[in-house]
Structure formats: C-alpha cells, structure tokens
Amino acid sequence: MATEERLTVTVAEAARLLGIGRGLAYELARLGKLPCLRLGRRMVIPRAALTEMLASAANQEPAPAIHELASSQRPAPGLRWRRG
C-alpha cells in the first residue's frame, strides 16, 4: 500500500516549514495572512494553499504580514510580550 501525503499540515508544522515560530504562525492564521481551515476547534493549513502562497510571495517584496506584526504596538488579545 502506497503512503499518501496528507493534504493539510498543522499550524505548528507550517511554522516549522516556513521557519517561523508557532505563535507567529497562529497569529498570521488568525489575521487571515496564513491560509487556514477550521475543523471544529482545530486549525489546519492546506498544503496546496501554502505552496500557492509561497509562490505568489516570491514575486512580492517584503512580506507585509510580518512587517505589520512587527510594527504593532500591542500584542493580540490573549497574548503577552516576551521579556528579553
């Protein structure tokens, strides 16, 4: 029996694939900057949408979602700033 690749990845898996933190990946998904599907309480990222997003982002300069988050004055509700 051939092993089939899953059609979706978890937000944590997508974060690892993108080289970003899990918290940032959840924040981007909540803001609609990372394509996701809600399956009950679970959020998953379709592999095809992730690939398409990366392909279209390759033609743009720089990714606005990350810059928008970096320039925000307050964390999203329920999140706290880390002390460095």
Protein backbone atom coordinates (compact mmCIF):
# COMPACT_ATOMS: atom_id res chain seq x y z
CA MET A 1 0.00 0.00 0.00
CA ALA A 2 1.47 3.35 -1.04
CA THR A 3 1.83 6.05 1.59
CA GLU A 4 -0.26 9.09 0.72
CA GLU A 5 0.88 12.55 1.71
CA ARG A 6 -1.58 14.41 3.92
CA LEU A 7 -3.46 17.25 2.25
CA THR A 8 -3.07 19.51 5.28
CA VAL A 9 -0.46 20.35 7.90
CA THR A 10 -0.94 21.63 11.42
CA VAL A 11 -0.14 25.25 12.20
CA ALA A 12 2.95 24.08 14.13
CA GLU A 13 4.13 22.03 11.12
CA ALA A 14 3.53 25.00 8.80
CA ALA A 15 5.53 27.21 11.17
CA ARG A 16 8.44 24.76 11.06
CA LEU A 17 8.25 24.58 7.24
CA LEU A 18 8.22 28.40 7.00
CA GLY A 19 10.98 28.86 9.57
CA ILE A 20 8.83 30.97 11.91
CA GLY A 21 7.61 30.49 15.45
CA ARG A 22 4.42 28.67 16.27
CA GLY A 23 2.91 31.74 17.95
CA LEU A 24 3.55 33.89 14.89
CA ALA A 25 2.01 31.22 12.66
CA TYR A 26 -1.16 31.17 14.79
CA GLU A 27 -1.28 34.97 14.76
CA LEU A 28 -0.91 35.09 10.96
CA ALA A 29 -3.64 32.46 10.59
CA ARG A 30 -5.93 34.45 12.92
CA LEU A 31 -5.32 37.60 10.86
CA GLY A 32 -6.02 35.76 7.60
CA LYS A 33 -2.43 36.16 6.36
CA LEU A 34 -1.81 32.41 6.50
CA PRO A 35 -4.47 30.34 4.70
CA CYS A 36 -6.15 28.00 7.16
CA LEU A 37 -9.25 25.90 7.64
CA ARG A 38 -11.02 25.45 10.95
CA LEU A 39 -12.14 21.88 11.57
CA GLY A 40 -14.04 22.21 14.80
CA ARG A 41 -11.53 23.71 17.22
CA ARG A 42 -8.58 22.59 15.12
CA MET A 43 -6.81 24.80 12.57
CA VAL A 44 -5.07 23.19 9.60
CA ILE A 45 -3.21 24.64 6.63
CA PRO A 46 -3.89 23.10 3.20
CA ARG A 47 -0.56 22.16 1.59
CA ALA A 48 -1.73 23.44 -1.79
CA ALA A 49 -2.66 26.85 -0.33
CA LEU A 50 0.69 27.08 1.46
CA THR A 51 2.57 26.27 -1.75
CA GLU A 52 0.48 28.78 -3.71
CA MET A 53 1.03 31.47 -1.06
CA LEU A 54 4.81 30.97 -1.19
CA ALA A 55 4.83 31.02 -4.99
CA SER A 56 2.93 34.30 -5.14
CA ALA A 57 5.04 35.81 -2.34
CA ALA A 58 8.20 35.11 -4.35
CA ASN A 59 7.07 37.86 -6.75
CA GLN A 60 6.47 40.42 -3.99
CA GLU A 61 8.72 42.50 -1.75
CA PRO A 62 8.85 42.06 1.51
CA ALA A 63 6.07 40.09 3.15
CA PRO A 64 3.64 42.67 4.55
CA ALA A 65 2.16 40.40 7.23
CA ILE A 66 5.42 40.13 9.15
CA HIS A 67 6.09 43.87 8.93
CA GLU A 68 2.56 44.66 10.11
CA LEU A 69 3.01 42.45 13.16
CA ALA A 70 6.46 43.83 13.93
CA SER A 71 5.17 47.40 13.92
CA SER A 72 2.12 46.78 16.10
CA GLN A 73 2.12 48.48 19.48
CA ARG A 74 0.25 45.79 21.42
CA PRO A 75 0.09 42.00 21.25
CA ALA A 76 -3.12 40.35 20.11
CA PRO A 77 -5.73 39.68 22.81
CA GLY A 78 -4.70 36.72 24.92
CA LEU A 79 -1.00 37.05 24.02
CA ARG A 80 1.73 38.65 26.08
CA TRP A 81 5.01 40.26 25.06
CA ARG A 82 8.09 38.26 25.87
CA ARG A 83 10.65 39.91 28.06
CA GLY A 84 14.12 39.64 26.55
